[in-house]
Amino acid sequence: MESRPLRQQIAAMRQSFFDEEILDRQFIQLEKLEDRENPNFVEEVLTLYFRDSTTLLATIEREMENVPIDFPKVDRILHQLKGSSASIGANKVRNEITKTRELWQQGNREGAKATFQEARKEHDTLKAKLEPYFQQLRQAGPAETAMRPR
């Protein structure tokens, strides 16, 4: 049985993601897809997101250093990362990728590279904050998942 302090801590953690604008309402939509038959849906989706996005980030970084640069390829990968970030509610990651794409499309390679590093930082921050959150949810058990605010 989970303790009230743990439930309060989980609720406060979750709320901080929205207060800090790390996550947006799309994350809430993902949570609504969770039920008793699939209580770890959000964690599973986020695990896939982090696996794929980490690969995309490395590919973008590598491609930005190539000479000559395949501008359309980098833009396609940035667009893919932006879309996947939006689909899980990764607000700050999506915003930084949007800025990176805009600079990239303007031909501002150095500005895009600098902004891309901000996107990478936001991605790392998101992962660092969500990992302990999901760990605490697992510790609290399935009842906590069912009690999340909708």
N, C-alpha and C. Protein backbone atom coordinates (compact mmCIF):
# COMPACT_ATOMS: atom_id res chain seq x y z
N MET A 1 0.84 -1.17 0.00
CA MET A 1 0.00 0.00 0.00
C MET A 1 0.89 1.24 0.00
N GLU A 2 0.56 2.22 -0.88
CA GLU A 2 1.40 3.41 -0.96
C GLU A 2 1.08 4.38 0.16
N SER A 3 2.05 5.16 0.49
CA SER A 3 1.88 6.12 1.58
C SER A 3 1.39 7.46 1.04
N ARG A 4 0.71 8.19 1.88
CA ARG A 4 0.21 9.52 1.49
C ARG A 4 1.37 10.45 1.10
N PRO A 5 2.47 10.48 1.86
CA PRO A 5 3.57 11.35 1.46
C PRO A 5 4.12 11.01 0.07
N LEU A 6 4.21 9.73 -0.27
CA LEU A 6 4.70 9.35 -1.60
C LEU A 6 3.74 9.84 -2.67
N ARG A 7 2.45 9.67 -2.44
CA ARG A 7 1.45 10.15 -3.41
C ARG A 7 1.54 11.66 -3.57
N GLN A 8 1.73 12.37 -2.48
CA GLN A 8 1.85 13.83 -2.54
C GLN A 8 3.12 14.23 -3.28
N GLN A 9 4.19 13.50 -3.03
CA GLN A 9 5.46 13.80 -3.72
C GLN A 9 5.32 13.58 -5.22
N ILE A 10 4.67 12.49 -5.60
CA ILE A 10 4.46 12.20 -7.02
C ILE A 10 3.60 13.29 -7.67
N ALA A 11 2.54 13.69 -6.98
CA ALA A 11 1.66 14.74 -7.51
C ALA A 11 2.42 16.06 -7.66
N ALA A 12 3.26 16.38 -6.69
CA ALA A 12 4.03 17.63 -6.75
C ALA A 12 5.05 17.58 -7.88
N MET A 13 5.69 16.43 -8.05
CA MET A 13 6.65 16.27 -9.14
C MET A 13 5.96 16.49 -10.48
N ARG A 14 4.84 15.80 -10.65
CA ARG A 14 4.09 15.89 -11.90
C ARG A 14 3.70 17.34 -12.17
N GLN A 15 3.17 18.01 -11.16
CA GLN A 15 2.75 19.40 -11.34
C GLN A 15 3.92 20.30 -11.72
N SER A 16 5.09 20.01 -11.17
CA SER A 16 6.26 20.83 -11.49
C SER A 16 6.62 20.77 -12.97
N PHE A 17 6.35 19.65 -13.62
CA PHE A 17 6.63 19.53 -15.06
C PHE A 17 5.82 20.55 -15.85
N PHE A 18 4.59 20.79 -15.41
CA PHE A 18 3.72 21.75 -16.09
C PHE A 18 4.06 23.18 -15.66
N ASP A 19 4.33 23.36 -14.38
CA ASP A 19 4.69 24.69 -13.89
C ASP A 19 5.95 25.21 -14.57
N GLU A 20 6.91 24.32 -14.79
CA GLU A 20 8.17 24.69 -15.43
C GLU A 20 8.07 24.64 -16.95
N GLU A 21 6.90 24.28 -17.45
CA GLU A 21 6.61 24.19 -18.89
C GLU A 21 7.52 23.19 -19.61
N ILE A 22 7.96 22.19 -18.87
CA ILE A 22 8.74 21.11 -19.46
C ILE A 22 7.81 20.24 -20.31
N LEU A 23 6.61 20.02 -19.77
CA LEU A 23 5.59 19.25 -20.47
C LEU A 23 4.38 20.13 -20.73
N ASP A 24 3.60 19.72 -21.74
CA ASP A 24 2.36 20.43 -22.03
C ASP A 24 1.18 19.47 -21.98
N ARG A 25 0.03 19.94 -22.40
CA ARG A 25 -1.20 19.18 -22.29
C ARG A 25 -1.18 17.86 -23.06
N GLN A 26 -0.32 17.73 -24.03
CA GLN A 26 -0.25 16.47 -24.78
C GLN A 26 0.14 15.31 -23.85
N PHE A 27 0.94 15.59 -22.86
CA PHE A 27 1.31 14.57 -21.89
C PHE A 27 0.07 14.08 -21.15
N ILE A 28 -0.83 14.99 -20.82
CA ILE A 28 -2.08 14.63 -20.14
C ILE A 28 -2.91 13.73 -21.05
N GLN A 29 -2.89 14.03 -22.34
CA GLN A 29 -3.63 13.18 -23.29
C GLN A 29 -3.06 11.76 -23.29
N LEU A 30 -1.74 11.63 -23.21
CA LEU A 30 -1.14 10.30 -23.11
C LEU A 30 -1.59 9.59 -21.84
N GLU A 31 -1.61 10.33 -20.75
CA GLU A 31 -2.02 9.73 -19.48
C GLU A 31 -3.45 9.20 -19.56
N LYS A 32 -4.29 9.86 -20.30
CA LYS A 32 -5.68 9.43 -20.44
C LYS A 32 -5.80 8.08 -21.16
N LEU A 33 -4.76 7.70 -21.88
CA LEU A 33 -4.77 6.42 -22.59
C LEU A 33 -4.38 5.26 -21.69
N GLU A 34 -3.89 5.58 -20.51
CA GLU A 34 -3.51 4.56 -19.54
C GLU A 34 -4.74 4.04 -18.83
N ASP A 35 -4.77 2.72 -18.59
CA ASP A 35 -5.85 2.13 -17.81
C ASP A 35 -5.32 0.92 -17.07
N ARG A 36 -6.19 0.22 -16.42
CA ARG A 36 -5.76 -0.94 -15.61
C ARG A 36 -5.12 -2.03 -16.45
N GLU A 37 -5.56 -2.17 -17.69
CA GLU A 37 -4.96 -3.21 -18.56
C GLU A 37 -3.59 -2.78 -19.08
N ASN A 38 -3.35 -1.49 -19.12
CA ASN A 38 -2.08 -0.97 -19.63
C ASN A 38 -1.61 0.16 -18.71
N PRO A 39 -1.27 -0.17 -17.46
CA PRO A 39 -0.96 0.85 -16.47
C PRO A 39 0.37 1.58 -16.70
N ASN A 40 1.23 1.04 -17.52
CA ASN A 40 2.54 1.66 -17.76
C ASN A 40 2.65 2.26 -19.15
N PHE A 41 1.52 2.56 -19.76
CA PHE A 41 1.50 3.04 -21.14
C PHE A 41 2.40 4.26 -21.33
N VAL A 42 2.24 5.26 -20.47
CA VAL A 42 3.01 6.50 -20.62
C VAL A 42 4.50 6.23 -20.49
N GLU A 43 4.87 5.46 -19.51
CA GLU A 43 6.29 5.14 -19.33
C GLU A 43 6.84 4.40 -20.55
N GLU A 44 6.08 3.49 -21.09
CA GLU A 44 6.52 2.75 -22.28
C GLU A 44 6.68 3.68 -23.47
N VAL A 45 5.74 4.59 -23.67
CA VAL A 45 5.83 5.55 -24.77
C VAL A 45 7.05 6.44 -24.59
N LEU A 46 7.28 6.91 -23.36
CA LEU A 46 8.43 7.77 -23.09
C LEU A 46 9.75 7.02 -23.25
N THR A 47 9.77 5.76 -22.89
CA THR A 47 10.97 4.95 -23.08
C THR A 47 11.31 4.87 -24.57
N LEU A 48 10.30 4.63 -25.40
CA LEU A 48 10.52 4.59 -26.84
C LEU A 48 10.96 5.95 -27.37
N TYR A 49 10.32 7.01 -26.87
CA TYR A 49 10.70 8.35 -27.29
C TYR A 49 12.17 8.62 -26.99
N PHE A 50 12.60 8.33 -25.76
CA PHE A 50 13.99 8.61 -25.40
C PHE A 50 14.96 7.75 -26.20
N ARG A 51 14.62 6.51 -26.47
CA ARG A 51 15.48 5.66 -27.29
C ARG A 51 15.64 6.26 -28.69
N ASP A 52 14.52 6.59 -29.31
CA ASP A 52 14.56 7.10 -30.67
C ASP A 52 15.13 8.52 -30.75
N SER A 53 14.74 9.37 -29.82
CA SER A 53 15.19 10.76 -29.88
C SER A 53 16.68 10.87 -29.59
N THR A 54 17.21 10.02 -28.76
CA THR A 54 18.65 10.04 -28.50
C THR A 54 19.42 9.72 -29.78
N THR A 55 18.91 8.77 -30.53
CA THR A 55 19.52 8.43 -31.81
C THR A 55 19.40 9.60 -32.79
N LEU A 56 18.23 10.22 -32.85
CA LEU A 56 18.03 11.36 -33.75
C LEU A 56 18.95 12.52 -33.38
N LEU A 57 19.07 12.79 -32.10
CA LEU A 57 19.96 13.88 -31.67
C LEU A 57 21.40 13.63 -32.12
N ALA A 58 21.87 12.42 -31.95
CA ALA A 58 23.24 12.08 -32.36
C ALA A 58 23.39 12.21 -33.87
N THR A 59 22.38 11.78 -34.61
CA THR A 59 22.42 11.86 -36.08
C THR A 59 22.45 13.32 -36.53
N ILE A 60 21.61 14.15 -35.93
CA ILE A 60 21.58 15.57 -36.28
C ILE A 60 22.94 16.21 -36.00
N GLU A 61 23.48 15.94 -34.84
CA GLU A 61 24.77 16.52 -34.48
C GLU A 61 25.86 16.12 -35.49
N ARG A 62 25.87 14.86 -35.83
CA ARG A 62 26.84 14.36 -36.80
C ARG A 62 26.64 15.01 -38.17
N GLU A 63 25.39 15.07 -38.60
CA GLU A 63 25.08 15.64 -39.92
C GLU A 63 25.42 17.13 -39.99
N MET A 64 25.27 17.85 -38.89
CA MET A 64 25.58 19.28 -38.88
C MET A 64 27.07 19.54 -39.05
N GLU A 65 27.88 18.54 -38.78
CA GLU A 65 29.33 18.69 -38.91
C GLU A 65 29.85 18.26 -40.28
N ASN A 66 29.01 17.58 -41.05
CA ASN A 66 29.45 17.09 -42.37
C ASN A 66 29.74 18.24 -43.32
N VAL A 67 30.69 18.01 -44.21
CA VAL A 67 30.97 18.94 -45.29
C VAL A 67 31.03 18.11 -46.57
N PRO A 68 30.21 18.38 -47.54
CA PRO A 68 29.12 19.35 -47.52
C PRO A 68 27.95 18.84 -46.68
N ILE A 69 27.18 19.78 -46.21
CA ILE A 69 26.02 19.45 -45.39
C ILE A 69 24.84 19.13 -46.29
N ASP A 70 24.13 18.09 -45.93
CA ASP A 70 22.89 17.74 -46.62
C ASP A 70 21.76 18.48 -45.88
N PHE A 71 21.52 19.73 -46.29
CA PHE A 71 20.54 20.57 -45.59
C PHE A 71 19.15 19.94 -45.53
N PRO A 72 18.64 19.42 -46.65
CA PRO A 72 17.30 18.80 -46.58
C PRO A 72 17.24 17.61 -45.61
N LYS A 73 18.31 16.84 -45.54
CA LYS A 73 18.32 15.69 -44.63
C LYS A 73 18.26 16.14 -43.18
N VAL A 74 19.07 17.13 -42.83
CA VAL A 74 19.08 17.64 -41.46
C VAL A 74 17.70 18.20 -41.11
N ASP A 75 17.11 18.94 -42.06
CA ASP A 75 15.79 19.51 -41.80
C ASP A 75 14.74 18.42 -41.60
N ARG A 76 14.80 17.35 -42.38
CA ARG A 76 13.85 16.23 -42.22
C ARG A 76 13.99 15.59 -40.84
N ILE A 77 15.22 15.39 -40.40
CA ILE A 77 15.44 14.76 -39.10
C ILE A 77 14.98 15.70 -37.98
N LEU A 78 15.27 16.99 -38.11
CA LEU A 78 14.79 17.96 -37.12
C LEU A 78 13.26 17.94 -37.06
N HIS A 79 12.63 17.88 -38.22
CA HIS A 79 11.17 17.84 -38.28
C HIS A 79 10.63 16.58 -37.59
N GLN A 80 11.29 15.46 -37.81
CA GLN A 80 10.89 14.20 -37.17
C GLN A 80 11.00 14.32 -35.65
N LEU A 81 12.11 14.88 -35.18
CA LEU A 81 12.31 15.04 -33.74
C LEU A 81 11.30 16.02 -33.14
N LYS A 82 11.00 17.07 -33.87
CA LYS A 82 10.00 18.03 -33.41
C LYS A 82 8.65 17.34 -33.27
N GLY A 83 8.27 16.55 -34.25
CA GLY A 83 6.99 15.86 -34.21
C GLY A 83 6.88 14.86 -33.07
N SER A 84 7.93 14.08 -32.88
CA SER A 84 7.88 13.09 -31.80
C SER A 84 7.89 13.78 -30.44
N SER A 85 8.60 14.88 -30.31
CA SER A 85 8.60 15.63 -29.06
C SER A 85 7.23 16.22 -28.78
N ALA A 86 6.59 16.75 -29.81
CA ALA A 86 5.24 17.31 -29.66
C ALA A 86 4.25 16.22 -29.27
N SER A 87 4.41 15.03 -29.82
CA SER A 87 3.44 13.97 -29.58
C SER A 87 3.43 13.47 -28.13
N ILE A 88 4.53 13.68 -27.41
CA ILE A 88 4.56 13.25 -26.01
C ILE A 88 4.42 14.45 -25.05
N GLY A 89 4.38 15.65 -25.60
CA GLY A 89 4.23 16.83 -24.76
C GLY A 89 5.52 17.42 -24.26
N ALA A 90 6.63 17.09 -24.91
CA ALA A 90 7.94 17.62 -24.50
C ALA A 90 8.06 19.06 -25.01
N ASN A 91 7.43 19.96 -24.29
CA ASN A 91 7.27 21.35 -24.69
C ASN A 91 8.59 22.07 -24.96
N LYS A 92 9.50 22.05 -24.01
CA LYS A 92 10.75 22.79 -24.18
C LYS A 92 11.63 22.19 -25.27
N VAL A 93 11.64 20.87 -25.37
CA VAL A 93 12.43 20.23 -26.44
C VAL A 93 11.86 20.67 -27.79
N ARG A 94 10.53 20.56 -27.94
CA ARG A 94 9.89 20.94 -29.19
C ARG A 94 10.18 22.39 -29.54
N ASN A 95 10.10 23.29 -28.56
CA ASN A 95 10.35 24.70 -28.83
C ASN A 95 11.77 24.95 -29.31
N GLU A 96 12.74 24.30 -28.70
CA GLU A 96 14.14 24.49 -29.11
C GLU A 96 14.40 23.89 -30.50
N ILE A 97 13.76 22.77 -30.78
CA ILE A 97 13.91 22.18 -32.12
C ILE A 97 13.27 23.10 -33.17
N THR A 98 12.14 23.70 -32.84
CA THR A 98 11.49 24.65 -33.75
C THR A 98 12.43 25.82 -34.05
N LYS A 99 13.06 26.37 -33.01
CA LYS A 99 14.02 27.47 -33.21
C LYS A 99 15.20 27.00 -34.06
N THR A 100 15.68 25.80 -33.79
CA THR A 100 16.81 25.26 -34.56
C THR A 100 16.43 25.15 -36.03
N ARG A 101 15.25 24.60 -36.30
CA ARG A 101 14.80 24.46 -37.69
C ARG A 101 14.70 25.81 -38.39
N GLU A 102 14.15 26.80 -37.69
CA GLU A 102 14.01 28.13 -38.28
C GLU A 102 15.37 28.70 -38.66
N LEU A 103 16.33 28.60 -37.75
CA LEU A 103 17.68 29.10 -38.04
C LEU A 103 18.32 28.29 -39.16
N TRP A 104 18.11 27.00 -39.15
CA TRP A 104 18.67 26.12 -40.18
C TRP A 104 18.13 26.49 -41.54
N GLN A 105 16.81 26.72 -41.61
CA GLN A 105 16.17 27.06 -42.88
C GLN A 105 16.59 28.44 -43.38
N GLN A 106 17.01 29.31 -42.46
CA GLN A 106 17.51 30.64 -42.82
C GLN A 106 18.98 30.59 -43.25
N GLY A 107 19.60 29.42 -43.12
CA GLY A 107 21.00 29.28 -43.48
C GLY A 107 21.95 29.69 -42.37
N ASN A 108 21.46 29.92 -41.20
CA ASN A 108 22.29 30.32 -40.06
C ASN A 108 22.80 29.07 -39.36
N ARG A 109 23.82 28.48 -39.94
CA ARG A 109 24.36 27.21 -39.44
C ARG A 109 24.86 27.30 -38.00
N GLU A 110 25.62 28.34 -37.70
CA GLU A 110 26.17 28.48 -36.35
C GLU A 110 25.08 28.73 -35.32
N GLY A 111 24.11 29.56 -35.66
CA GLY A 111 22.99 29.80 -34.76
C GLY A 111 22.17 28.54 -34.53
N ALA A 112 21.98 27.78 -35.59
CA ALA A 112 21.23 26.52 -35.48
C ALA A 112 21.99 25.53 -34.61
N LYS A 113 23.29 25.48 -34.76
CA LYS A 113 24.09 24.55 -33.94
C LYS A 113 24.01 24.93 -32.47
N ALA A 114 24.06 26.22 -32.17
CA ALA A 114 23.98 26.68 -30.78
C ALA A 114 22.60 26.38 -30.19
N THR A 115 21.56 26.66 -30.96
CA THR A 115 20.20 26.39 -30.49
C THR A 115 19.97 24.90 -30.35
N PHE A 116 20.57 24.13 -31.23
CA PHE A 116 20.44 22.67 -31.14
C PHE A 116 21.03 22.16 -29.82
N GLN A 117 22.12 22.77 -29.37
CA GLN A 117 22.70 22.37 -28.09
C GLN A 117 21.73 22.66 -26.94
N GLU A 118 20.96 23.72 -27.07
CA GLU A 118 19.91 24.00 -26.07
C GLU A 118 18.84 22.92 -26.11
N ALA A 119 18.49 22.48 -27.31
CA ALA A 119 17.50 21.39 -27.44
C ALA A 119 18.01 20.12 -26.78
N ARG A 120 19.27 19.85 -26.99
CA ARG A 120 19.89 18.67 -26.38
C ARG A 120 19.85 18.78 -24.85
N LYS A 121 20.14 19.98 -24.33
CA LYS A 121 20.09 20.21 -22.89
C LYS A 121 18.68 20.00 -22.35
N GLU A 122 17.69 20.52 -23.05
CA GLU A 122 16.30 20.36 -22.62
C GLU A 122 15.89 18.88 -22.66
N HIS A 123 16.38 18.16 -23.65
CA HIS A 123 16.11 16.72 -23.76
C HIS A 123 16.70 16.00 -22.56
N ASP A 124 17.94 16.32 -22.22
CA ASP A 124 18.60 15.70 -21.07
C ASP A 124 17.87 16.03 -19.77
N THR A 125 17.43 17.27 -19.64
CA THR A 125 16.68 17.70 -18.45
C THR A 125 15.37 16.93 -18.34
N LEU A 126 14.67 16.81 -19.45
CA LEU A 126 13.41 16.08 -19.47
C LEU A 126 13.61 14.65 -19.01
N LYS A 127 14.61 14.02 -19.55
CA LYS A 127 14.89 12.62 -19.18
C LYS A 127 15.26 12.52 -17.70
N ALA A 128 16.09 13.43 -17.24
CA ALA A 128 16.54 13.40 -15.84
C ALA A 128 15.38 13.63 -14.87
N LYS A 129 14.38 14.38 -15.28
CA LYS A 129 13.24 14.64 -14.40
C LYS A 129 12.21 13.51 -14.48
N LEU A 130 12.02 12.94 -15.65
CA LEU A 130 10.99 11.91 -15.79
C LEU A 130 11.41 10.56 -15.24
N GLU A 131 12.68 10.24 -15.30
CA GLU A 131 13.13 8.93 -14.79
C GLU A 131 12.77 8.74 -13.31
N PRO A 132 13.08 9.69 -12.41
CA PRO A 132 12.69 9.49 -11.01
C PRO A 132 11.16 9.52 -10.81
N TYR A 133 10.47 10.27 -11.65
CA TYR A 133 9.02 10.32 -11.57
C TYR A 133 8.43 8.93 -11.85
N PHE A 134 8.86 8.31 -12.92
CA PHE A 134 8.35 6.98 -13.25
C PHE A 134 8.80 5.94 -12.22
N GLN A 135 10.00 6.12 -11.70
CA GLN A 135 10.47 5.21 -10.65
C GLN A 135 9.55 5.30 -9.42
N GLN A 136 9.19 6.49 -9.05
CA GLN A 136 8.29 6.65 -7.90
C GLN A 136 6.90 6.10 -8.20
N LEU A 137 6.43 6.29 -9.43
CA LEU A 137 5.13 5.72 -9.80
C LEU A 137 5.15 4.19 -9.67
N ARG A 138 6.24 3.58 -10.14
CA ARG A 138 6.36 2.12 -10.01
C ARG A 138 6.38 1.72 -8.54
N GLN A 139 7.09 2.49 -7.73
CA GLN A 139 7.17 2.20 -6.30
C GLN A 139 5.79 2.30 -5.65
N ALA A 140 5.00 3.28 -6.09
CA ALA A 140 3.67 3.48 -5.52
C ALA A 140 2.70 2.38 -5.95
N GLY A 141 2.95 1.80 -7.12
CA GLY A 141 2.10 0.71 -7.58
C GLY A 141 0.99 1.17 -8.49
N PRO A 142 0.24 0.22 -9.04
CA PRO A 142 -0.80 0.52 -10.03
C PRO A 142 -1.90 1.44 -9.51
N ALA A 143 -2.17 1.40 -8.24
CA ALA A 143 -3.23 2.26 -7.70
C ALA A 143 -2.90 3.73 -7.93
N GLU A 144 -1.62 4.07 -7.86
CA GLU A 144 -1.23 5.47 -8.06
C GLU A 144 -1.49 5.89 -9.50
N THR A 145 -1.20 5.02 -10.44
CA THR A 145 -1.44 5.34 -11.84
C THR A 145 -2.92 5.65 -12.04
N ALA A 146 -3.78 4.84 -11.47
CA ALA A 146 -5.21 5.04 -11.64
C ALA A 146 -5.70 6.31 -10.95
N MET A 147 -4.93 6.82 -9.98
CA MET A 147 -5.36 8.00 -9.22
C MET A 147 -4.81 9.31 -9.78
N ARG A 148 -4.06 9.26 -10.88
CA ARG A 148 -3.52 10.49 -11.45
C ARG A 148 -4.64 11.43 -11.84
N PRO A 149 -4.41 12.73 -11.68
CA PRO A 149 -5.42 13.68 -12.13
C PRO A 149 -5.56 13.61 -13.64
N ARG A 150 -6.74 13.79 -14.12
CA ARG A 150 -6.97 13.73 -15.57
C ARG A 150 -7.29 15.09 -16.09
